[in-house]
């Protein structure tokens, strides 16, 4: 009987020592992530853009520039807006081809959230005015944008995320009805 207890005792001690050894090697601290700073935010970005209008969804890649208090688009995507105003697909395509690139500036206010290591962006979009040519006549189109949620610059992966909604469109002073809102989602954008 004693012969069996001695090996069991050694096996038990050996298992405990192996357990301590393996647990001491397991550091869950991970890499040191530097705190986010306001200086991290400005720059040239490229990111995924998802445009949703009703059941229609279009994805692409968009480039934009972030300045101290502004997100600037050299070419804002207006295809869904034009197709909402011009119902005839052929005329809408013709209008898109004849229109110049549309620049758009989106103002924001930034605050650092140190607990989550992010910069929170409160977006204050302005209206966009377009002249959409249809049958030789320009239709004055005003698009009102809103931001229903905050944007974020995430310190962990150094990405920018935000969304914008074209809530209503007026053409020559008349509200477009029925109208399905156009959501512009930028779920993951990184610096170039």
C-alpha atoms as a PDB file:
ATOM      1  CA  UNK A   1       0.000   0.000   0.000  1.00  0.00           C
ATOM      2  CA  UNK A   2       2.849   2.380   0.792  1.00  0.00           C
ATOM      3  CA  UNK A   3       4.356   1.824  -2.630  1.00  0.00           C
ATOM      4  CA  UNK A   4       1.221   3.181  -4.285  1.00  0.00           C
ATOM      5  CA  UNK A   5       0.913   6.298  -2.091  1.00  0.00           C
ATOM      6  CA  UNK A   6       4.474   7.477  -2.707  1.00  0.00           C
ATOM      7  CA  UNK A   7       4.101   7.614  -6.530  1.00  0.00           C
ATOM      8  CA  UNK A   8       0.684   9.276  -6.136  1.00  0.00           C
ATOM      9  CA  UNK A   9       2.229  11.856  -3.834  1.00  0.00           C
ATOM     10  CA  UNK A  10       5.005  12.599  -6.349  1.00  0.00           C
ATOM     11  CA  UNK A  11       2.529  12.790  -9.224  1.00  0.00           C
ATOM     12  CA  UNK A  12       0.345  15.203  -7.247  1.00  0.00           C
ATOM     13  CA  UNK A  13       3.328  17.424  -6.370  1.00  0.00           C
ATOM     14  CA  UNK A  14       4.520  17.296  -9.975  1.00  0.00           C
ATOM     15  CA  UNK A  15       1.070  18.321 -11.278  1.00  0.00           C
ATOM     16  CA  UNK A  16       0.893  21.244  -8.826  1.00  0.00           C
ATOM     17  CA  UNK A  17       4.367  22.440  -9.841  1.00  0.00           C
ATOM     18  CA  UNK A  18       3.500  22.204 -13.553  1.00  0.00           C
ATOM     19  CA  UNK A  19       0.304  24.162 -12.888  1.00  0.00           C
ATOM     20  CA  UNK A  20       2.216  26.934 -11.116  1.00  0.00           C
ATOM     21  CA  UNK A  21       4.833  27.023 -13.845  1.00  0.00           C
ATOM     22  CA  UNK A  22       2.284  27.323 -16.649  1.00  0.00           C
ATOM     23  CA  UNK A  23       0.212  29.941 -14.847  1.00  0.00           C
ATOM     24  CA  UNK A  24       3.267  32.109 -14.153  1.00  0.00           C
ATOM     25  CA  UNK A  25       4.049  32.170 -17.890  1.00  0.00           C
ATOM     26  CA  UNK A  26       0.535  33.328 -18.772  1.00  0.00           C
ATOM     27  CA  UNK A  27       0.652  37.144 -18.750  1.00  0.00           C
ATOM     28  CA  UNK A  28      -2.637  38.642 -19.866  1.00  0.00           C
ATOM     29  CA  UNK A  29      -1.350  42.179 -19.843  1.00  0.00           C
ATOM     30  CA  UNK A  30      -0.892  42.275 -23.625  1.00  0.00           C
ATOM     31  CA  UNK A  31       0.871  44.991 -25.588  1.00  0.00           C
ATOM     32  CA  UNK A  32       0.968  48.544 -24.307  1.00  0.00           C
ATOM     33  CA  UNK A  33      -1.543  50.669 -26.238  1.00  0.00           C
ATOM     34  CA  UNK A  34      -0.634  54.363 -26.280  1.00  0.00           C
ATOM     35  CA  UNK A  35      -3.402  56.774 -25.247  1.00  0.00           C
ATOM     36  CA  UNK A  36      -5.212  58.507 -28.095  1.00  0.00           C
ATOM     37  CA  UNK A  37      -4.440  62.205 -28.723  1.00  0.00           C
ATOM     38  CA  UNK A  38      -6.205  64.885 -30.757  1.00  0.00           C
ATOM     39  CA  UNK A  39      -3.132  65.053 -33.004  1.00  0.00           C
ATOM     40  CA  UNK A  40      -3.860  61.467 -34.120  1.00  0.00           C
ATOM     41  CA  UNK A  41      -7.129  62.421 -35.833  1.00  0.00           C
ATOM     42  CA  UNK A  42      -6.199  64.775 -38.736  1.00  0.00           C
ATOM     43  CA  UNK A  43      -4.951  63.257 -41.984  1.00  0.00           C
ATOM     44  CA  UNK A  44      -5.952  61.647 -45.267  1.00  0.00           C
ATOM     45  CA  UNK A  45      -8.248  58.651 -44.889  1.00  0.00           C
ATOM     46  CA  UNK A  46      -9.495  55.836 -47.052  1.00  0.00           C
ATOM     47  CA  UNK A  47     -12.290  53.594 -45.950  1.00  0.00           C
ATOM     48  CA  UNK A  48     -15.279  51.460 -46.639  1.00  0.00           C
ATOM     49  CA  UNK A  49     -18.509  53.269 -47.473  1.00  0.00           C
ATOM     50  CA  UNK A  50     -21.864  51.526 -47.281  1.00  0.00           C
ATOM     51  CA  UNK A  51     -24.795  53.450 -48.763  1.00  0.00           C
ATOM     52  CA  UNK A  52     -28.242  52.134 -47.854  1.00  0.00           C
ATOM     53  CA  UNK A  53     -31.558  53.410 -49.190  1.00  0.00           C
ATOM     54  CA  UNK A  54     -34.540  51.199 -48.419  1.00  0.00           C
ATOM     55  CA  UNK A  55     -33.714  47.710 -49.693  1.00  0.00           C
ATOM     56  CA  UNK A  56     -30.911  48.992 -51.914  1.00  0.00           C
ATOM     57  CA  UNK A  57     -27.335  48.723 -50.660  1.00  0.00           C
ATOM     58  CA  UNK A  58     -24.133  49.821 -52.364  1.00  0.00           C
ATOM     59  CA  UNK A  59     -20.581  49.447 -51.070  1.00  0.00           C
ATOM     60  CA  UNK A  60     -17.377  51.084 -52.115  1.00  0.00           C
ATOM     61  CA  UNK A  61     -14.176  52.736 -50.989  1.00  0.00           C
ATOM     62  CA  UNK A  62     -14.061  56.478 -50.369  1.00  0.00           C
ATOM     63  CA  UNK A  63     -11.214  58.875 -49.677  1.00  0.00           C
ATOM     64  CA  UNK A  64     -11.548  61.994 -47.555  1.00  0.00           C
ATOM     65  CA  UNK A  65      -9.464  64.388 -45.493  1.00  0.00           C
ATOM     66  CA  UNK A  66      -9.856  65.132 -41.795  1.00  0.00           C
ATOM     67  CA  UNK A  67      -8.784  68.557 -40.584  1.00  0.00           C
ATOM     68  CA  UNK A  68      -8.950  70.155 -37.131  1.00  0.00           C
ATOM     69  CA  UNK A  69     -12.764  70.402 -37.102  1.00  0.00           C
ATOM     70  CA  UNK A  70     -13.856  69.287 -40.589  1.00  0.00           C
ATOM     71  CA  UNK A  71     -14.153  66.100 -42.633  1.00  0.00           C
ATOM     72  CA  UNK A  72     -13.745  67.104 -46.296  1.00  0.00           C
ATOM     73  CA  UNK A  73     -14.829  65.134 -49.343  1.00  0.00           C
ATOM     74  CA  UNK A  74     -13.350  66.094 -52.706  1.00  0.00           C
ATOM     75  CA  UNK A  75     -16.048  63.966 -54.361  1.00  0.00           C
ATOM     76  CA  UNK A  76     -19.125  63.163 -52.289  1.00  0.00           C
ATOM     77  CA  UNK A  77     -21.223  60.224 -53.593  1.00  0.00           C
ATOM     78  CA  UNK A  78     -24.475  61.680 -54.972  1.00  0.00           C
ATOM     79  CA  UNK A  79     -25.762  58.842 -57.153  1.00  0.00           C
ATOM     80  CA  UNK A  80     -28.630  57.906 -54.807  1.00  0.00           C
ATOM     81  CA  UNK A  81     -29.608  61.560 -54.378  1.00  0.00           C
ATOM     82  CA  UNK A  82     -29.783  62.141 -58.134  1.00  0.00           C
ATOM     83  CA  UNK A  83     -31.724  58.909 -58.695  1.00  0.00           C
ATOM     84  CA  UNK A  84     -34.197  59.982 -56.010  1.00  0.00           C
ATOM     85  CA  UNK A  85     -34.786  63.319 -57.741  1.00  0.00           C
ATOM     86  CA  UNK A  86     -34.715  62.001 -61.323  1.00  0.00           C
ATOM     87  CA  UNK A  87     -36.927  58.905 -61.449  1.00  0.00           C
ATOM     88  CA  UNK A  88     -36.093  57.976 -65.062  1.00  0.00           C
ATOM     89  CA  UNK A  89     -32.904  55.816 -64.880  1.00  0.00           C
ATOM     90  CA  UNK A  90     -31.565  56.951 -68.276  1.00  0.00           C
ATOM     91  CA  UNK A  91     -32.047  60.638 -67.441  1.00  0.00           C
ATOM     92  CA  UNK A  92     -30.524  60.105 -63.994  1.00  0.00           C
ATOM     93  CA  UNK A  93     -27.387  58.566 -65.538  1.00  0.00           C
ATOM     94  CA  UNK A  94     -27.177  61.427 -68.025  1.00  0.00           C
ATOM     95  CA  UNK A  95     -27.503  63.964 -65.195  1.00  0.00           C
ATOM     96  CA  UNK A  96     -24.765  62.221 -63.191  1.00  0.00           C
ATOM     97  CA  UNK A  97     -22.406  62.303 -66.181  1.00  0.00           C
ATOM     98  CA  UNK A  98     -22.975  66.002 -66.797  1.00  0.00           C
ATOM     99  CA  UNK A  99     -22.575  67.080 -63.156  1.00  0.00           C
ATOM    100  CA  UNK A 100     -19.220  68.130 -61.726  1.00  0.00           C
ATOM    101  CA  UNK A 101     -17.686  66.491 -58.676  1.00  0.00           C
ATOM    102  CA  UNK A 102     -19.493  67.572 -55.531  1.00  0.00           C
ATOM    103  CA  UNK A 103     -17.357  68.764 -52.636  1.00  0.00           C
ATOM    104  CA  UNK A 104     -18.772  68.469 -49.135  1.00  0.00           C
ATOM    105  CA  UNK A 105     -17.469  69.550 -45.727  1.00  0.00           C
ATOM    106  CA  UNK A 106     -18.764  67.920 -42.566  1.00  0.00           C
ATOM    107  CA  UNK A 107     -18.087  69.848 -39.348  1.00  0.00           C
ATOM    108  CA  UNK A 108     -17.428  68.060 -36.073  1.00  0.00           C
ATOM    109  CA  UNK A 109     -16.489  68.695 -32.450  1.00  0.00           C
ATOM    110  CA  UNK A 110     -14.074  66.228 -30.861  1.00  0.00           C
ATOM    111  CA  UNK A 111     -13.704  65.090 -27.249  1.00  0.00           C
ATOM    112  CA  UNK A 112     -11.276  62.489 -25.902  1.00  0.00           C
ATOM    113  CA  UNK A 113     -12.843  59.594 -23.976  1.00  0.00           C
ATOM    114  CA  UNK A 114      -9.851  58.293 -22.003  1.00  0.00           C
ATOM    115  CA  UNK A 115     -11.783  55.410 -20.427  1.00  0.00           C
ATOM    116  CA  UNK A 116     -12.338  53.814 -23.853  1.00  0.00           C
ATOM    117  CA  UNK A 117      -9.231  55.281 -25.546  1.00  0.00           C
ATOM    118  CA  UNK A 118     -11.311  56.910 -28.304  1.00  0.00           C
ATOM    119  CA  UNK A 119     -11.992  60.369 -29.666  1.00  0.00           C
ATOM    120  CA  UNK A 120     -15.740  60.982 -29.842  1.00  0.00           C
ATOM    121  CA  UNK A 121     -16.927  63.107 -32.757  1.00  0.00           C
ATOM    122  CA  UNK A 122     -20.173  65.036 -32.556  1.00  0.00           C
ATOM    123  CA  UNK A 123     -21.028  65.631 -36.203  1.00  0.00           C
ATOM    124  CA  UNK A 124     -22.879  68.773 -37.317  1.00  0.00           C
ATOM    125  CA  UNK A 125     -23.686  68.261 -40.991  1.00  0.00           C
ATOM    126  CA  UNK A 126     -24.732  71.157 -43.193  1.00  0.00           C
ATOM    127  CA  UNK A 127     -27.171  71.101 -46.085  1.00  0.00           C
ATOM    128  CA  UNK A 128     -25.944  70.285 -49.566  1.00  0.00           C
ATOM    129  CA  UNK A 129     -27.166  72.268 -52.561  1.00  0.00           C
ATOM    130  CA  UNK A 130     -27.055  70.711 -56.013  1.00  0.00           C
ATOM    131  CA  UNK A 131     -28.103  71.796 -59.484  1.00  0.00           C
ATOM    132  CA  UNK A 132     -29.347  68.634 -61.183  1.00  0.00           C
ATOM    133  CA  UNK A 133     -29.793  69.029 -64.960  1.00  0.00           C
ATOM    134  CA  UNK A 134     -32.959  67.381 -66.296  1.00  0.00           C
ATOM    135  CA  UNK A 135     -34.211  68.000 -69.857  1.00  0.00           C
ATOM    136  CA  UNK A 136     -32.152  71.181 -70.200  1.00  0.00           C
ATOM    137  CA  UNK A 137     -33.414  72.653 -66.913  1.00  0.00           C
ATOM    138  CA  UNK A 138     -31.479  72.717 -63.644  1.00  0.00           C
ATOM    139  CA  UNK A 139     -33.440  71.517 -60.633  1.00  0.00           C
ATOM    140  CA  UNK A 140     -32.309  73.218 -57.434  1.00  0.00           C
ATOM    141  CA  UNK A 141     -31.943  70.354 -54.982  1.00  0.00           C
ATOM    142  CA  UNK A 142     -31.326  70.806 -51.262  1.00  0.00           C
ATOM    143  CA  UNK A 143     -30.314  67.768 -49.213  1.00  0.00           C
ATOM    144  CA  UNK A 144     -30.592  67.958 -45.428  1.00  0.00           C
ATOM    145  CA  UNK A 145     -28.149  65.712 -43.604  1.00  0.00           C
ATOM    146  CA  UNK A 146     -28.322  64.611 -39.974  1.00  0.00           C
ATOM    147  CA  UNK A 147     -26.059  62.554 -37.778  1.00  0.00           C
ATOM    148  CA  UNK A 148     -27.986  60.178 -35.546  1.00  0.00           C
ATOM    149  CA  UNK A 149     -24.938  58.921 -33.661  1.00  0.00           C
ATOM    150  CA  UNK A 150     -21.452  59.986 -32.671  1.00  0.00           C
ATOM    151  CA  UNK A 151     -18.410  59.171 -34.725  1.00  0.00           C
ATOM    152  CA  UNK A 152     -15.319  57.592 -33.203  1.00  0.00           C
ATOM    153  CA  UNK A 153     -11.594  57.570 -33.763  1.00  0.00           C
ATOM    154  CA  UNK A 154     -10.497  54.342 -32.078  1.00  0.00           C
ATOM    155  CA  UNK A 155      -7.032  54.386 -30.531  1.00  0.00           C
ATOM    156  CA  UNK A 156      -6.640  50.597 -30.492  1.00  0.00           C
ATOM    157  CA  UNK A 157      -6.642  50.170 -34.284  1.00  0.00           C
ATOM    158  CA  UNK A 158      -6.318  53.867 -35.246  1.00  0.00           C
ATOM    159  CA  UNK A 159      -9.496  53.812 -37.323  1.00  0.00           C
ATOM    160  CA  UNK A 160     -12.255  56.353 -37.877  1.00  0.00           C
ATOM    161  CA  UNK A 161     -15.936  55.330 -37.860  1.00  0.00           C
ATOM    162  CA  UNK A 162     -19.030  57.453 -38.405  1.00  0.00           C
ATOM    163  CA  UNK A 163     -22.360  57.654 -40.209  1.00  0.00           C
ATOM    164  CA  UNK A 164     -24.434  60.310 -41.924  1.00  0.00           C
ATOM    165  CA  UNK A 165     -28.063  60.325 -43.099  1.00  0.00           C
ATOM    166  CA  UNK A 166     -29.692  62.311 -45.907  1.00  0.00           C
ATOM    167  CA  UNK A 167     -32.962  62.813 -44.055  1.00  0.00           C
ATOM    168  CA  UNK A 168     -34.913  64.860 -46.579  1.00  0.00           C
ATOM    169  CA  UNK A 169     -34.573  66.325 -50.050  1.00  0.00           C
ATOM    170  CA  UNK A 170     -36.342  69.340 -51.509  1.00  0.00           C
ATOM    171  CA  UNK A 171     -36.437  70.091 -55.231  1.00  0.00           C
ATOM    172  CA  UNK A 172     -37.243  73.666 -56.269  1.00  0.00           C
ATOM    173  CA  UNK A 173     -38.700  74.231 -52.789  1.00  0.00           C
ATOM    174  CA  UNK A 174     -40.927  71.121 -52.842  1.00  0.00           C
ATOM    175  CA  UNK A 175     -40.269  68.254 -50.433  1.00  0.00           C
ATOM    176  CA  UNK A 176     -39.661  64.923 -52.204  1.00  0.00           C
ATOM    177  CA  UNK A 177     -42.362  62.457 -51.120  1.00  0.00           C
ATOM    178  CA  UNK A 178     -42.399  59.538 -50.792  1.00  0.00           C
ATOM    179  CA  UNK A 179     -38.770  59.453 -49.768  1.00  0.00           C
ATOM    180  CA  UNK A 180     -36.595  56.746 -48.244  1.00  0.00           C
ATOM    181  CA  UNK A 181     -33.668  58.141 -46.265  1.00  0.00           C
ATOM    182  CA  UNK A 182     -30.153  57.562 -47.561  1.00  0.00           C
ATOM    183  CA  UNK A 183     -27.647  56.307 -44.978  1.00  0.00           C
ATOM    184  CA  UNK A 184     -23.931  56.850 -45.559  1.00  0.00           C
ATOM    185  CA  UNK A 185     -22.030  54.512 -43.221  1.00  0.00           C
ATOM    186  CA  UNK A 186     -18.262  54.624 -42.811  1.00  0.00           C
ATOM    187  CA  UNK A 187     -17.648  51.587 -40.566  1.00  0.00           C
ATOM    188  CA  UNK A 188     -13.856  51.402 -40.891  1.00  0.00           C
ATOM    189  CA  UNK A 189     -11.542  54.092 -42.274  1.00  0.00           C
ATOM    190  CA  UNK A 190      -7.770  54.237 -41.907  1.00  0.00           C
ATOM    191  CA  UNK A 191      -5.121  56.811 -42.740  1.00  0.00           C
ATOM    192  CA  UNK A 192      -3.418  56.551 -46.130  1.00  0.00           C
END
